[in-house]
Protein backbone atom coordinates (compact mmCIF):
# COMPACT_ATOMS: atom_id res chain seq x y z
CA UNK A 1 23.12 -200.35 19.25
CA UNK A 2 23.63 -198.64 15.91
CA UNK A 3 23.48 -194.95 15.16
CA UNK A 4 20.70 -195.64 12.60
CA UNK A 5 18.59 -197.39 15.43
CA UNK A 6 19.06 -194.36 17.68
CA UNK A 7 17.81 -191.78 14.80
CA UNK A 8 15.01 -193.72 14.12
CA UNK A 9 13.85 -193.90 17.63
CA UNK A 10 13.97 -197.64 18.31
CA UNK A 11 11.23 -198.95 20.86
CA UNK A 12 13.87 -200.67 22.64
CA UNK A 13 15.48 -197.54 23.54
CA UNK A 14 15.30 -196.39 27.04
CA UNK A 15 13.58 -193.27 28.27
CA UNK A 16 16.72 -192.07 29.92
CA UNK A 17 18.66 -192.41 26.42
CA UNK A 18 15.90 -190.43 24.66
CA UNK A 19 15.91 -187.67 27.48
CA UNK A 20 19.85 -187.35 26.77
CA UNK A 21 19.20 -186.72 23.20
CA UNK A 22 21.18 -187.95 20.03
CA UNK A 23 24.05 -185.97 18.25
CA UNK A 24 23.15 -184.77 14.98
CA UNK A 25 24.92 -186.33 11.75
CA UNK A 26 28.17 -184.49 11.31
CA UNK A 27 29.86 -184.70 7.73
CA UNK A 28 33.31 -183.97 9.31
CA UNK A 29 32.79 -186.96 11.60
CA UNK A 30 31.57 -189.32 9.07
CA UNK A 31 34.65 -188.60 6.84
CA UNK A 32 37.15 -189.15 9.88
CA UNK A 33 35.23 -192.39 10.68
CA UNK A 34 35.72 -193.54 7.01
CA UNK A 35 39.27 -192.68 7.13
CA UNK A 36 40.00 -194.60 10.16
CA UNK A 37 38.37 -197.57 8.60
CA UNK A 38 40.43 -197.36 5.61
CA UNK A 39 43.47 -196.92 7.80
CA UNK A 40 42.99 -200.30 9.52
CA UNK A 41 42.10 -202.08 6.32
CA UNK A 42 44.50 -205.20 5.57
CA UNK A 43 47.70 -204.40 3.44
CA UNK A 44 46.61 -206.83 0.90
CA UNK A 45 43.28 -204.98 0.32
CA UNK A 46 44.95 -201.64 0.10
CA UNK A 47 47.19 -203.07 -2.50
CA UNK A 48 44.33 -204.57 -4.46
CA UNK A 49 42.59 -201.35 -4.43
CA UNK A 50 45.62 -199.52 -5.69
CA UNK A 51 46.20 -201.97 -8.37
CA UNK A 52 42.68 -201.59 -9.67
CA UNK A 53 42.75 -197.91 -9.50
CA UNK A 54 45.88 -198.10 -11.63
CA UNK A 55 43.96 -200.20 -14.03
CA UNK A 56 46.25 -203.34 -12.94
CA UNK A 57 46.02 -206.27 -11.16
CA UNK A 58 47.28 -206.88 -7.59
CA UNK A 59 49.11 -210.18 -8.23
CA UNK A 60 50.79 -208.35 -11.39
CA UNK A 61 54.77 -208.37 -10.57
CA UNK A 62 55.29 -205.40 -12.93
CA UNK A 63 55.23 -202.74 -9.89
CA UNK A 64 57.53 -204.93 -7.93
CA UNK A 65 59.96 -205.21 -10.68
CA UNK A 66 59.89 -201.45 -11.29
CA UNK A 67 60.69 -200.96 -7.73
CA UNK A 68 63.58 -203.52 -7.90
CA UNK A 69 64.81 -201.52 -10.80
CA UNK A 70 64.74 -198.34 -9.20
CA UNK A 71 66.58 -199.72 -5.94
CA UNK A 72 69.37 -201.07 -8.34
CA UNK A 73 69.67 -197.62 -10.03
CA UNK A 74 69.83 -195.93 -6.57
CA UNK A 75 72.38 -198.37 -5.43
CA UNK A 76 74.64 -197.77 -8.63
CA UNK A 77 74.20 -194.10 -8.08
CA UNK A 78 75.43 -194.44 -4.34
CA UNK A 79 78.17 -196.78 -5.52
CA UNK A 80 79.73 -194.12 -7.98
CA UNK A 81 79.12 -191.13 -5.41
CA UNK A 82 81.16 -193.24 -2.92
CA UNK A 83 83.95 -193.81 -5.33
CA UNK A 84 83.96 -190.07 -6.54
CA UNK A 85 84.18 -189.20 -2.96
CA UNK A 86 87.14 -191.68 -2.09
CA UNK A 87 89.19 -190.43 -5.28
CA UNK A 88 88.49 -186.65 -4.04
CA UNK A 89 89.72 -187.66 -0.48
CA UNK A 90 92.92 -189.28 -1.83
CA UNK A 91 93.35 -186.45 -3.97
CA UNK A 92 93.00 -183.77 -1.30
CA UNK A 93 95.31 -185.75 1.03
CA UNK A 94 98.11 -185.95 -1.60
CA UNK A 95 97.95 -182.09 -2.23
CA UNK A 96 98.11 -181.43 1.34
CA UNK A 97 101.16 -183.69 1.87
CA UNK A 98 102.73 -181.87 -1.08
CA UNK A 99 101.85 -178.44 0.24
CA UNK A 100 103.32 -179.48 3.74
CA UNK A 101 106.54 -180.93 1.80
CA UNK A 102 107.05 -178.24 -1.01
CA UNK A 103 105.01 -175.31 0.41
CA UNK A 104 108.26 -172.98 0.71
CA UNK A 105 109.29 -173.79 -3.02
CA UNK A 106 108.44 -170.25 -4.30
CA UNK A 107 109.96 -168.61 -1.33
CA UNK A 108 113.16 -170.65 -1.77
CA UNK A 109 113.35 -170.04 -5.70
CA UNK A 110 113.28 -166.37 -4.83
CA UNK A 111 116.02 -166.42 -1.99
CA UNK A 112 118.40 -168.24 -4.61
CA UNK A 113 119.29 -164.81 -6.13
CA UNK A 114 119.80 -163.54 -2.55
CA UNK A 115 122.31 -166.52 -1.77
CA UNK A 116 124.01 -165.96 -5.18
CA UNK A 117 124.72 -162.39 -4.51
CA UNK A 118 125.97 -163.17 -0.98
CA UNK A 119 128.44 -165.84 -2.52
CA UNK A 120 129.66 -163.08 -4.82
CA UNK A 121 130.30 -160.75 -2.12
CA UNK A 122 132.07 -163.29 -0.02
CA UNK A 123 134.33 -164.38 -2.88
CA UNK A 124 135.18 -160.92 -3.80
CA UNK A 125 136.14 -160.21 -0.08
CA UNK A 126 138.35 -163.59 -0.13
CA UNK A 127 140.14 -162.42 -3.34
CA UNK A 128 141.03 -159.03 -2.03
CA UNK A 129 142.32 -160.53 1.12
CA UNK A 130 140.07 -158.58 3.46
CA UNK A 131 141.52 -155.22 2.38
CA UNK A 132 138.35 -154.04 0.20
CA UNK A 133 135.95 -153.54 3.21
CA UNK A 134 134.00 -151.07 1.49
CA UNK A 135 133.29 -153.38 -1.43
CA UNK A 136 132.20 -156.00 1.04
CA UNK A 137 130.06 -153.66 2.97
CA UNK A 138 128.27 -152.47 -0.25
CA UNK A 139 127.90 -156.32 -1.22
CA UNK A 140 126.34 -157.09 1.99
CA UNK A 141 124.06 -154.14 1.69
CA UNK A 142 122.84 -155.29 -1.61
CA UNK A 143 121.99 -158.60 -0.38
CA UNK A 144 120.09 -157.14 2.62
CA UNK A 145 117.92 -154.89 0.40
CA UNK A 146 117.19 -157.82 -1.81
CA UNK A 147 116.39 -159.95 1.11
CA UNK A 148 113.90 -157.44 2.27
CA UNK A 149 112.36 -157.03 -1.12
CA UNK A 150 111.82 -160.91 -1.32
CA UNK A 151 110.32 -160.80 2.10
CA UNK A 152 108.03 -158.02 0.94
CA UNK A 153 106.96 -160.23 -2.05
CA UNK A 154 105.92 -162.77 0.16
CA UNK A 155 103.93 -160.64 2.65
CA UNK A 156 106.60 -160.94 5.20
CA UNK A 157 106.79 -157.57 6.97
CA UNK A 158 109.18 -156.36 9.94
CA UNK A 159 107.50 -155.35 13.13
CA UNK A 160 107.88 -151.68 13.69
CA UNK A 161 108.30 -151.80 17.73
CA UNK A 162 110.79 -148.95 18.47
CA UNK A 163 108.98 -146.03 20.22
CA UNK A 164 105.56 -148.02 20.17
CA UNK A 165 103.61 -148.88 23.27
CA UNK A 166 104.48 -152.21 24.23
CA UNK A 167 102.08 -154.93 22.82
CA UNK A 168 102.11 -158.44 24.31
CA UNK A 169 100.67 -159.72 20.97
CA UNK A 170 103.86 -158.53 19.04
CA UNK A 171 106.53 -157.91 21.47
CA UNK A 172 108.43 -159.81 23.91
CA UNK A 173 109.72 -157.75 26.98
CA UNK A 174 113.46 -158.84 27.85
CA UNK A 175 113.91 -155.99 30.45
CA UNK A 176 112.44 -152.99 32.07
CA UNK A 177 114.41 -149.98 32.70
CA UNK A 178 113.41 -146.64 34.44
CA UNK A 179 113.07 -143.91 31.89
CA UNK A 180 111.08 -140.60 32.61
CA UNK A 181 111.44 -139.07 29.24
CA UNK A 182 108.87 -141.50 27.71
CA UNK A 183 105.51 -142.90 28.77
CA UNK A 184 105.54 -146.07 30.77
CA UNK A 185 105.51 -149.31 28.82
CA UNK A 186 106.96 -147.59 25.83
CA UNK A 187 109.65 -149.72 23.61
CA UNK A 188 112.83 -147.85 23.95
CA UNK A 189 115.23 -150.53 22.37
CA UNK A 190 114.62 -153.30 20.11
CA UNK A 191 117.07 -155.96 20.48
CA UNK A 192 115.73 -158.39 17.98
CA UNK A 193 113.37 -157.43 15.10
CA UNK A 194 110.09 -159.38 14.92
CA UNK A 195 108.40 -160.33 11.64
CA UNK A 196 104.83 -161.12 10.59
CA UNK A 197 103.43 -163.24 7.59
CA UNK A 198 100.38 -161.38 6.51
CA UNK A 199 98.46 -161.03 9.81
CA UNK A 200 100.18 -164.04 11.64
CA UNK A 201 103.05 -163.53 14.10
CA UNK A 202 106.05 -165.31 12.94
CA UNK A 203 108.44 -164.16 15.69
CA UNK A 204 107.90 -161.39 18.19
CA UNK A 205 110.00 -158.45 18.63
CA UNK A 206 112.41 -158.75 21.48
CA UNK A 207 112.37 -155.33 23.35
CA UNK A 208 113.37 -153.24 26.42
CA UNK A 209 110.55 -151.35 27.77
CA UNK A 210 110.57 -148.24 29.77
CA UNK A 211 108.89 -147.91 33.48
CA UNK A 212 108.31 -144.84 35.60
CA UNK A 213 111.28 -144.21 37.66
CA UNK A 214 111.12 -144.36 41.49
CA UNK A 215 112.06 -141.40 43.53
CA UNK A 216 115.45 -142.92 44.29
CA UNK A 217 116.16 -143.61 40.83
CA UNK A 218 115.47 -140.03 39.42
CA UNK A 219 118.87 -138.50 39.89
CA UNK A 220 120.95 -141.76 38.64
CA UNK A 221 118.71 -143.23 36.21
CA UNK A 222 121.13 -142.77 33.54
CA UNK A 223 123.75 -144.62 35.39
CA UNK A 224 121.60 -147.70 35.85
CA UNK A 225 121.83 -150.43 33.42
CA UNK A 226 118.80 -152.67 32.16
CA UNK A 227 116.88 -154.19 34.75
CA UNK A 228 115.54 -157.71 34.24
CA UNK A 229 111.99 -157.97 34.17
CA UNK A 230 110.04 -159.90 36.75
CA UNK A 231 107.11 -160.54 34.95
């Protein structure tokens, strides 16, 4: 039974239906119904309406040709982007490989002068027959200072460990010895210097660390040698 017949009070309407009442017309409900009807319309009908709205014909192939042209243009752009990305990937891989192979080039160039001075010092010592030890010592000290300058230029710094509290991130404890003159875990001897490259640890400092002496070691702690660390 239609809505209009209910609104106009059809004689075929039962008393129970009239007693329940009829919903009043609702503009929002009407609009929703119209949208639902349009949504279930056939695709061909919608295309025809779109074509008429644009002033064209539903059978006109021009819109399809335009879509095909846009699709081809998008495909060409995608292919160009893929080619550019592939070239970038190959270039990045080549630069990374060159960095691995020749990354130390600048450091090596700066070290060449150090090696030259060391060669001169050794050559001078050979020619003097080992008699000019003072000159050899001065030459070695010159090379050492120059080497430290190269390290500083490339942000390579030695780790200052002597007298510092033991730090497992920078130090490697080789032994512990009883020593009551300093705080426990204090570095009392550096066996091998450590170095950092900027904030990255290159080699930890190998050190001897103090520990609190026991009562039996108080009197003869100076006579005891280095004790191997158990941990």
